[in-house]
N, C-alpha and C. Protein backbone atom coordinates (compact mmCIF):
# COMPACT_ATOMS: atom_id res chain seq x y z
N UNK A 1 9.66 26.33 28.27
CA UNK A 1 10.29 26.69 27.01
C UNK A 1 10.45 25.51 26.06
N UNK A 2 10.87 24.29 26.52
CA UNK A 2 11.02 23.19 25.58
C UNK A 2 9.71 22.83 24.88
N UNK A 3 8.59 22.90 25.58
CA UNK A 3 7.30 22.60 24.96
C UNK A 3 6.95 23.62 23.90
N UNK A 4 7.39 24.86 24.10
CA UNK A 4 7.10 25.92 23.13
C UNK A 4 7.82 25.65 21.80
N UNK A 5 9.08 25.20 21.86
CA UNK A 5 9.80 24.86 20.63
C UNK A 5 9.16 23.69 19.92
N UNK A 6 8.72 22.71 20.72
CA UNK A 6 8.08 21.53 20.12
C UNK A 6 6.79 21.94 19.42
N UNK A 7 5.99 22.79 20.05
CA UNK A 7 4.76 23.26 19.42
C UNK A 7 5.06 24.06 18.16
N UNK A 8 6.13 24.84 18.20
CA UNK A 8 6.51 25.64 17.04
C UNK A 8 6.87 24.74 15.86
N UNK A 9 7.69 23.72 16.12
CA UNK A 9 8.11 22.82 15.06
C UNK A 9 6.95 21.95 14.58
N UNK A 10 6.10 21.49 15.48
CA UNK A 10 4.93 20.70 15.08
C UNK A 10 3.97 21.53 14.24
N UNK A 11 3.77 22.78 14.61
CA UNK A 11 2.92 23.67 13.82
C UNK A 11 3.48 23.89 12.43
N UNK A 12 4.79 24.01 12.34
CA UNK A 12 5.46 24.16 11.04
C UNK A 12 5.22 22.93 10.18
N UNK A 13 5.36 21.73 10.77
CA UNK A 13 5.12 20.50 10.03
C UNK A 13 3.67 20.37 9.58
N UNK A 14 2.75 20.72 10.46
CA UNK A 14 1.33 20.66 10.10
C UNK A 14 1.02 21.62 8.96
N UNK A 15 1.61 22.82 8.99
CA UNK A 15 1.40 23.78 7.92
C UNK A 15 1.96 23.27 6.61
N UNK A 16 3.10 22.56 6.66
CA UNK A 16 3.66 21.98 5.45
C UNK A 16 2.75 20.88 4.89
N UNK A 17 2.27 20.00 5.77
CA UNK A 17 1.45 18.89 5.31
C UNK A 17 0.11 19.36 4.77
N UNK A 18 -0.57 20.21 5.49
CA UNK A 18 -1.92 20.62 5.11
C UNK A 18 -1.93 21.86 4.22
N UNK A 19 -0.84 22.63 4.24
CA UNK A 19 -0.82 23.89 3.50
C UNK A 19 -1.47 24.99 4.33
N UNK A 20 -1.23 26.20 3.93
CA UNK A 20 -1.82 27.32 4.66
C UNK A 20 -3.02 27.91 3.93
N UNK A 21 -3.27 27.44 2.72
CA UNK A 21 -4.39 27.94 1.93
C UNK A 21 -5.57 26.99 2.12
N UNK A 22 -6.73 27.52 2.53
CA UNK A 22 -7.90 26.66 2.71
C UNK A 22 -8.60 26.43 1.38
N UNK A 23 -9.69 25.67 1.40
CA UNK A 23 -10.39 25.31 0.16
C UNK A 23 -10.98 26.52 -0.56
N UNK A 24 -11.31 27.53 0.18
CA UNK A 24 -11.88 28.74 -0.42
C UNK A 24 -10.80 29.64 -1.02
N UNK A 25 -9.53 29.31 -0.79
CA UNK A 25 -8.45 30.11 -1.33
C UNK A 25 -7.95 31.18 -0.37
N UNK A 26 -8.45 31.17 0.86
CA UNK A 26 -8.01 32.15 1.87
C UNK A 26 -6.75 31.65 2.57
N UNK A 27 -5.87 32.59 2.88
CA UNK A 27 -4.64 32.25 3.58
C UNK A 27 -4.40 33.29 4.67
N UNK A 28 -4.80 32.97 5.91
CA UNK A 28 -4.63 33.95 6.99
C UNK A 28 -3.17 34.23 7.33
N UNK A 29 -2.25 33.30 7.01
CA UNK A 29 -0.84 33.51 7.34
C UNK A 29 -0.11 34.34 6.30
N UNK A 30 -0.62 34.35 5.07
CA UNK A 30 0.04 35.08 3.99
C UNK A 30 1.23 34.33 3.39
N UNK A 31 1.41 33.05 3.77
CA UNK A 31 2.54 32.28 3.27
C UNK A 31 2.25 31.63 1.91
N UNK A 32 1.00 31.36 1.62
CA UNK A 32 0.57 30.72 0.36
C UNK A 32 1.25 29.38 0.13
N UNK A 33 1.36 28.57 1.18
CA UNK A 33 1.95 27.25 1.05
C UNK A 33 0.87 26.27 0.60
N UNK A 34 1.17 25.49 -0.42
CA UNK A 34 0.27 24.43 -0.87
C UNK A 34 0.58 23.16 -0.07
N UNK A 35 -0.30 22.19 -0.15
CA UNK A 35 -0.07 20.92 0.54
C UNK A 35 1.21 20.27 0.05
N UNK A 36 1.90 19.56 0.94
CA UNK A 36 3.16 18.91 0.61
C UNK A 36 3.04 17.42 0.93
N UNK A 37 3.79 16.61 0.22
CA UNK A 37 3.75 15.17 0.45
C UNK A 37 4.51 14.79 1.72
N UNK A 38 4.24 13.61 2.21
CA UNK A 38 4.88 13.11 3.42
C UNK A 38 6.39 13.00 3.24
N UNK A 39 6.84 12.53 2.08
CA UNK A 39 8.28 12.38 1.84
C UNK A 39 9.01 13.71 1.88
N UNK A 40 8.41 14.74 1.30
CA UNK A 40 9.03 16.07 1.31
C UNK A 40 9.08 16.62 2.74
N UNK A 41 8.02 16.41 3.50
CA UNK A 41 8.00 16.89 4.89
C UNK A 41 9.07 16.19 5.72
N UNK A 42 9.25 14.89 5.52
CA UNK A 42 10.30 14.16 6.25
C UNK A 42 11.68 14.68 5.90
N UNK A 43 11.92 14.98 4.62
CA UNK A 43 13.21 15.54 4.22
C UNK A 43 13.43 16.91 4.86
N UNK A 44 12.39 17.74 4.87
CA UNK A 44 12.52 19.08 5.44
C UNK A 44 12.81 19.00 6.94
N UNK A 45 12.09 18.14 7.67
CA UNK A 45 12.32 18.05 9.11
C UNK A 45 13.72 17.53 9.40
N UNK A 46 14.21 16.60 8.56
CA UNK A 46 15.58 16.10 8.75
C UNK A 46 16.59 17.22 8.53
N UNK A 47 16.39 18.04 7.49
CA UNK A 47 17.31 19.14 7.20
C UNK A 47 17.24 20.24 8.26
N UNK A 48 16.02 20.56 8.69
CA UNK A 48 15.86 21.60 9.73
C UNK A 48 16.50 21.13 11.04
N UNK A 49 16.32 19.86 11.38
CA UNK A 49 16.91 19.33 12.60
C UNK A 49 18.44 19.36 12.54
N UNK A 50 18.99 18.97 11.40
CA UNK A 50 20.45 19.00 11.25
C UNK A 50 20.97 20.43 11.35
N UNK A 51 20.27 21.37 10.73
CA UNK A 51 20.70 22.77 10.78
C UNK A 51 20.62 23.34 12.20
N UNK A 52 19.51 23.06 12.89
CA UNK A 52 19.39 23.60 14.26
C UNK A 52 20.36 22.92 15.22
N UNK A 53 20.70 21.64 14.97
CA UNK A 53 21.73 20.98 15.79
C UNK A 53 23.09 21.67 15.58
N UNK A 54 23.40 22.00 14.33
CA UNK A 54 24.65 22.70 14.03
C UNK A 54 24.67 24.07 14.72
N UNK A 55 23.56 24.80 14.60
CA UNK A 55 23.49 26.13 15.24
C UNK A 55 23.61 26.02 16.76
N UNK A 56 23.00 24.99 17.33
CA UNK A 56 23.07 24.80 18.79
C UNK A 56 24.50 24.49 19.22
N UNK A 57 25.22 23.71 18.43
CA UNK A 57 26.60 23.37 18.77
C UNK A 57 27.52 24.58 18.62
N UNK A 58 27.30 25.38 17.59
CA UNK A 58 28.16 26.55 17.33
C UNK A 58 27.92 27.67 18.33
N UNK A 59 26.65 27.92 18.66
CA UNK A 59 26.31 29.06 19.51
C UNK A 59 26.07 28.68 20.96
N UNK A 60 26.21 27.40 21.28
CA UNK A 60 26.05 26.91 22.64
C UNK A 60 24.67 27.24 23.21
N UNK A 61 23.63 26.96 22.42
CA UNK A 61 22.24 27.15 22.85
C UNK A 61 21.50 25.82 22.73
N UNK A 62 20.29 25.78 23.23
CA UNK A 62 19.49 24.55 23.18
C UNK A 62 19.01 24.30 21.74
N UNK A 63 18.99 23.03 21.35
CA UNK A 63 18.55 22.66 20.01
C UNK A 63 17.03 22.76 19.91
N UNK A 64 16.54 23.02 18.70
CA UNK A 64 15.11 23.13 18.48
C UNK A 64 14.42 21.77 18.62
N UNK A 65 15.06 20.73 18.14
CA UNK A 65 14.52 19.37 18.21
C UNK A 65 15.61 18.47 18.78
N UNK A 66 15.82 18.52 20.10
CA UNK A 66 16.98 17.84 20.69
C UNK A 66 16.86 16.33 20.64
N UNK A 67 18.00 15.65 20.51
CA UNK A 67 17.98 14.19 20.54
C UNK A 67 17.70 13.69 21.95
N UNK A 68 17.06 12.55 22.03
CA UNK A 68 16.78 11.95 23.34
C UNK A 68 16.99 10.45 23.23
N UNK A 69 16.98 9.78 24.35
CA UNK A 69 17.15 8.34 24.36
C UNK A 69 15.84 7.69 23.94
N UNK A 70 15.88 6.81 22.93
CA UNK A 70 14.63 6.19 22.48
C UNK A 70 14.15 5.13 23.45
N UNK A 71 12.86 4.87 23.42
CA UNK A 71 12.32 3.76 24.19
C UNK A 71 12.77 2.46 23.52
N UNK A 72 12.56 1.36 24.19
CA UNK A 72 12.97 0.07 23.63
C UNK A 72 12.27 -0.18 22.30
N UNK A 73 10.97 0.13 22.23
CA UNK A 73 10.22 -0.11 21.00
C UNK A 73 10.73 0.76 19.86
N UNK A 74 11.06 2.01 20.14
CA UNK A 74 11.59 2.89 19.11
C UNK A 74 12.95 2.41 18.61
N UNK A 75 13.78 1.92 19.51
CA UNK A 75 15.10 1.41 19.11
C UNK A 75 14.95 0.15 18.25
N UNK A 76 14.06 -0.74 18.62
CA UNK A 76 13.84 -1.95 17.83
C UNK A 76 13.32 -1.58 16.44
N UNK A 77 12.38 -0.64 16.38
CA UNK A 77 11.85 -0.21 15.08
C UNK A 77 12.95 0.41 14.22
N UNK A 78 13.82 1.20 14.83
CA UNK A 78 14.91 1.82 14.08
C UNK A 78 15.88 0.77 13.55
N UNK A 79 16.17 -0.25 14.37
CA UNK A 79 17.07 -1.32 13.92
C UNK A 79 16.44 -2.14 12.80
N UNK A 80 15.14 -2.37 12.87
CA UNK A 80 14.46 -3.12 11.80
C UNK A 80 14.47 -2.34 10.49
N UNK A 81 14.24 -1.01 10.58
CA UNK A 81 14.31 -0.18 9.37
C UNK A 81 15.72 -0.23 8.79
N UNK A 82 16.73 -0.15 9.67
CA UNK A 82 18.12 -0.17 9.21
C UNK A 82 18.45 -1.52 8.55
N UNK A 83 18.02 -2.62 9.15
CA UNK A 83 18.29 -3.93 8.57
C UNK A 83 17.63 -4.08 7.21
N UNK A 84 16.41 -3.61 7.09
CA UNK A 84 15.71 -3.71 5.81
C UNK A 84 16.41 -2.87 4.75
N UNK A 85 16.84 -1.67 5.12
CA UNK A 85 17.52 -0.80 4.17
C UNK A 85 18.83 -1.43 3.70
N UNK A 86 19.60 -2.03 4.60
CA UNK A 86 20.89 -2.62 4.22
C UNK A 86 20.72 -3.96 3.50
N UNK A 87 19.63 -4.65 3.75
CA UNK A 87 19.39 -5.91 3.06
C UNK A 87 19.21 -5.69 1.56
N UNK A 88 18.65 -4.55 1.18
CA UNK A 88 18.39 -4.25 -0.22
C UNK A 88 19.42 -3.29 -0.81
N UNK A 89 20.51 -3.05 -0.12
CA UNK A 89 21.51 -2.10 -0.58
C UNK A 89 22.62 -2.80 -1.35
N UNK A 90 23.03 -2.20 -2.44
CA UNK A 90 24.16 -2.74 -3.20
C UNK A 90 25.49 -2.45 -2.51
N UNK A 91 25.50 -1.49 -1.60
CA UNK A 91 26.73 -1.12 -0.90
C UNK A 91 26.73 -1.60 0.55
N UNK A 92 25.96 -2.65 0.83
CA UNK A 92 25.84 -3.10 2.21
C UNK A 92 27.12 -3.71 2.76
N UNK A 93 28.04 -4.05 1.89
CA UNK A 93 29.31 -4.62 2.36
C UNK A 93 30.21 -3.56 2.99
N UNK A 94 29.91 -2.29 2.81
CA UNK A 94 30.72 -1.23 3.41
C UNK A 94 30.28 -1.03 4.85
N UNK A 95 31.20 -1.06 5.76
CA UNK A 95 30.86 -0.96 7.17
C UNK A 95 30.61 0.45 7.66
N UNK A 96 31.11 1.46 6.98
CA UNK A 96 30.99 2.83 7.46
C UNK A 96 29.54 3.27 7.58
N UNK A 97 28.75 3.00 6.57
CA UNK A 97 27.35 3.40 6.59
C UNK A 97 26.59 2.66 7.67
N UNK A 98 26.93 1.40 7.89
CA UNK A 98 26.25 0.62 8.92
C UNK A 98 26.53 1.18 10.31
N UNK A 99 27.76 1.57 10.56
CA UNK A 99 28.10 2.11 11.87
C UNK A 99 27.35 3.42 12.12
N UNK A 100 27.27 4.27 11.12
CA UNK A 100 26.54 5.53 11.26
C UNK A 100 25.06 5.26 11.49
N UNK A 101 24.51 4.29 10.78
CA UNK A 101 23.09 3.96 10.95
C UNK A 101 22.82 3.42 12.35
N UNK A 102 23.75 2.64 12.89
CA UNK A 102 23.56 2.12 14.25
C UNK A 102 23.58 3.25 15.28
N UNK A 103 24.43 4.26 15.04
CA UNK A 103 24.45 5.42 15.93
C UNK A 103 23.12 6.16 15.87
N UNK A 104 22.59 6.32 14.67
CA UNK A 104 21.32 7.02 14.49
C UNK A 104 20.18 6.23 15.14
N UNK A 105 20.26 4.90 15.11
CA UNK A 105 19.21 4.07 15.68
C UNK A 105 19.10 4.26 17.19
N UNK A 106 20.18 4.70 17.83
CA UNK A 106 20.15 4.92 19.27
C UNK A 106 19.83 6.37 19.62
N UNK A 107 19.29 7.10 18.67
CA UNK A 107 18.94 8.50 18.90
C UNK A 107 17.48 8.69 18.52
N UNK A 108 16.79 9.49 19.28
CA UNK A 108 15.37 9.74 19.05
C UNK A 108 15.13 11.24 19.05
N UNK A 109 14.18 11.70 18.27
CA UNK A 109 13.80 13.11 18.25
C UNK A 109 12.36 13.24 18.71
N UNK A 110 12.07 14.36 19.39
CA UNK A 110 10.71 14.58 19.86
C UNK A 110 9.75 14.78 18.70
N UNK A 111 10.13 15.60 17.74
CA UNK A 111 9.28 15.89 16.60
C UNK A 111 9.88 15.19 15.39
N UNK A 112 9.09 14.34 14.77
CA UNK A 112 9.52 13.63 13.58
C UNK A 112 8.51 13.88 12.47
N UNK A 113 8.84 13.43 11.30
CA UNK A 113 7.93 13.59 10.18
C UNK A 113 6.69 12.73 10.37
N UNK A 114 5.69 12.95 9.56
CA UNK A 114 4.45 12.18 9.70
C UNK A 114 4.68 10.72 9.36
N UNK A 115 3.95 9.86 10.04
CA UNK A 115 4.07 8.43 9.76
C UNK A 115 3.19 8.06 8.58
N UNK A 116 3.44 6.89 8.05
CA UNK A 116 2.65 6.41 6.93
C UNK A 116 1.21 6.17 7.39
N UNK A 117 0.23 6.47 6.54
CA UNK A 117 -1.16 6.20 6.93
C UNK A 117 -1.40 4.70 7.03
N UNK A 118 -2.23 4.32 7.98
CA UNK A 118 -2.56 2.92 8.17
C UNK A 118 -3.74 2.59 7.27
N UNK A 119 -3.57 1.58 6.45
CA UNK A 119 -4.61 1.18 5.52
C UNK A 119 -5.19 -0.15 5.99
N UNK A 120 -6.50 -0.22 6.06
CA UNK A 120 -7.15 -1.47 6.46
C UNK A 120 -6.88 -2.53 5.41
N UNK A 121 -6.49 -3.70 5.83
CA UNK A 121 -6.13 -4.78 4.92
C UNK A 121 -7.29 -5.76 4.71
N UNK A 122 -8.53 -5.30 4.85
CA UNK A 122 -9.66 -6.19 4.64
C UNK A 122 -10.11 -6.11 3.20
N UNK A 123 -10.52 -7.23 2.67
CA UNK A 123 -11.00 -7.28 1.30
C UNK A 123 -12.49 -6.98 1.30
N UNK A 124 -12.94 -6.08 0.43
CA UNK A 124 -14.38 -5.80 0.41
C UNK A 124 -15.16 -7.02 -0.05
N UNK A 125 -16.31 -7.23 0.54
CA UNK A 125 -17.14 -8.38 0.21
C UNK A 125 -17.95 -8.10 -1.05
N UNK A 126 -18.13 -9.13 -1.86
CA UNK A 126 -18.95 -9.00 -3.05
C UNK A 126 -20.41 -9.01 -2.61
N UNK A 127 -21.28 -8.20 -3.22
CA UNK A 127 -22.68 -8.17 -2.79
C UNK A 127 -23.34 -9.55 -2.93
N UNK A 128 -23.96 -10.01 -1.86
CA UNK A 128 -24.54 -11.36 -1.84
C UNK A 128 -25.65 -11.52 -2.88
N UNK A 129 -26.42 -10.48 -3.15
CA UNK A 129 -27.53 -10.59 -4.10
C UNK A 129 -27.05 -10.75 -5.55
N UNK A 130 -25.80 -10.46 -5.84
CA UNK A 130 -25.26 -10.58 -7.20
C UNK A 130 -24.29 -11.75 -7.33
N UNK A 131 -24.20 -12.59 -6.29
CA UNK A 131 -23.23 -13.68 -6.30
C UNK A 131 -23.56 -14.74 -7.36
N UNK A 132 -24.86 -15.06 -7.54
CA UNK A 132 -25.26 -16.04 -8.55
C UNK A 132 -24.90 -15.53 -9.95
N UNK A 133 -25.08 -14.24 -10.16
CA UNK A 133 -24.71 -13.64 -11.45
C UNK A 133 -23.20 -13.71 -11.66
N UNK A 134 -22.44 -13.52 -10.61
CA UNK A 134 -20.99 -13.62 -10.71
C UNK A 134 -20.57 -15.03 -11.12
N UNK A 135 -21.15 -16.04 -10.49
CA UNK A 135 -20.79 -17.42 -10.83
C UNK A 135 -21.24 -17.79 -12.24
N UNK A 136 -22.41 -17.32 -12.66
CA UNK A 136 -22.94 -17.68 -13.97
C UNK A 136 -22.30 -16.96 -15.13
N UNK A 137 -21.98 -15.68 -14.95
CA UNK A 137 -21.47 -14.85 -16.04
C UNK A 137 -20.01 -14.43 -15.81
N UNK A 138 -19.68 -14.11 -14.60
CA UNK A 138 -18.39 -13.52 -14.30
C UNK A 138 -17.19 -14.41 -14.55
N UNK A 139 -17.37 -15.72 -14.39
CA UNK A 139 -16.24 -16.64 -14.57
C UNK A 139 -16.33 -17.42 -15.88
N UNK A 140 -17.18 -16.98 -16.78
CA UNK A 140 -17.37 -17.68 -18.05
C UNK A 140 -16.23 -17.34 -19.01
N UNK A 141 -15.65 -18.39 -19.60
CA UNK A 141 -14.57 -18.20 -20.57
C UNK A 141 -15.12 -18.13 -22.00
N UNK A 142 -15.98 -19.10 -22.34
CA UNK A 142 -16.56 -19.16 -23.69
C UNK A 142 -17.95 -19.78 -23.59
N UNK A 143 -18.70 -19.66 -24.63
CA UNK A 143 -20.08 -20.13 -24.58
C UNK A 143 -20.24 -21.58 -25.01
N UNK A 144 -19.29 -22.18 -25.71
CA UNK A 144 -19.42 -23.56 -26.18
C UNK A 144 -18.34 -24.42 -25.55
N UNK A 145 -18.59 -25.73 -25.57
CA UNK A 145 -17.63 -26.67 -25.04
C UNK A 145 -18.12 -27.31 -23.76
N UNK A 146 -17.29 -28.13 -23.16
CA UNK A 146 -17.68 -28.79 -21.91
C UNK A 146 -17.66 -27.78 -20.77
N UNK A 147 -18.26 -28.20 -19.65
CA UNK A 147 -18.40 -27.30 -18.50
C UNK A 147 -17.05 -26.78 -18.02
N UNK A 148 -16.04 -27.65 -17.96
CA UNK A 148 -14.72 -27.25 -17.52
C UNK A 148 -14.03 -26.29 -18.46
N UNK A 149 -14.44 -26.30 -19.73
CA UNK A 149 -13.89 -25.37 -20.72
C UNK A 149 -14.65 -24.06 -20.75
N UNK A 150 -15.93 -24.11 -20.39
CA UNK A 150 -16.75 -22.90 -20.43
C UNK A 150 -16.46 -21.97 -19.25
N UNK A 151 -16.17 -22.53 -18.10
CA UNK A 151 -16.02 -21.73 -16.89
C UNK A 151 -14.62 -21.88 -16.31
N UNK A 152 -14.18 -20.88 -15.61
CA UNK A 152 -12.92 -20.93 -14.89
C UNK A 152 -13.22 -21.49 -13.50
N UNK A 153 -13.17 -22.81 -13.40
CA UNK A 153 -13.58 -23.52 -12.19
C UNK A 153 -12.72 -23.14 -10.98
N UNK A 154 -11.43 -23.02 -11.18
CA UNK A 154 -10.53 -22.69 -10.06
C UNK A 154 -10.93 -21.37 -9.41
N UNK A 155 -11.17 -20.35 -10.21
CA UNK A 155 -11.56 -19.05 -9.67
C UNK A 155 -12.94 -19.10 -9.03
N UNK A 156 -13.83 -19.94 -9.56
CA UNK A 156 -15.16 -20.08 -8.96
C UNK A 156 -15.04 -20.68 -7.55
N UNK A 157 -14.19 -21.69 -7.41
CA UNK A 157 -14.01 -22.32 -6.09
C UNK A 157 -13.38 -21.34 -5.11
N UNK A 158 -12.45 -20.53 -5.58
CA UNK A 158 -11.84 -19.51 -4.70
C UNK A 158 -12.89 -18.51 -4.25
N UNK A 159 -13.78 -18.12 -5.14
CA UNK A 159 -14.81 -17.14 -4.81
C UNK A 159 -15.80 -17.69 -3.79
N UNK A 160 -16.01 -19.01 -3.85
CA UNK A 160 -16.93 -19.62 -2.89
C UNK A 160 -16.30 -19.62 -1.52
């Protein structure tokens, strides 16, 4: 049964992220949900989790997305997020929010919102066959004057 709830909630999140309408305009579910952004999906999962936790406490049933003990890596990541958030907060001198955040850092959920996409941090290479053209024309400032005035030497050296 616990795996069934997890699949249900994960399917709901996937439907929110991707939408239920395909490219051809067909919607087998009849929900007509359009694609949603990652931030909106994270807000919805947070609200749904809070609501189901409340319902579980009131009706004495199992929660849809129960809290669990985080692994060491998850706890460290949560503390780093908390530290970064409070470092840039104008209200960081208030202790109440920090205590609540520390409690949340020691709690983990099975189903969470989608993570940020990983972007490759490599710089694309300039085509080698056009490099001479780049040095001759691309870094030129003006057509007259001395060599140091005609070209942006610093940028040329960086490009090399």
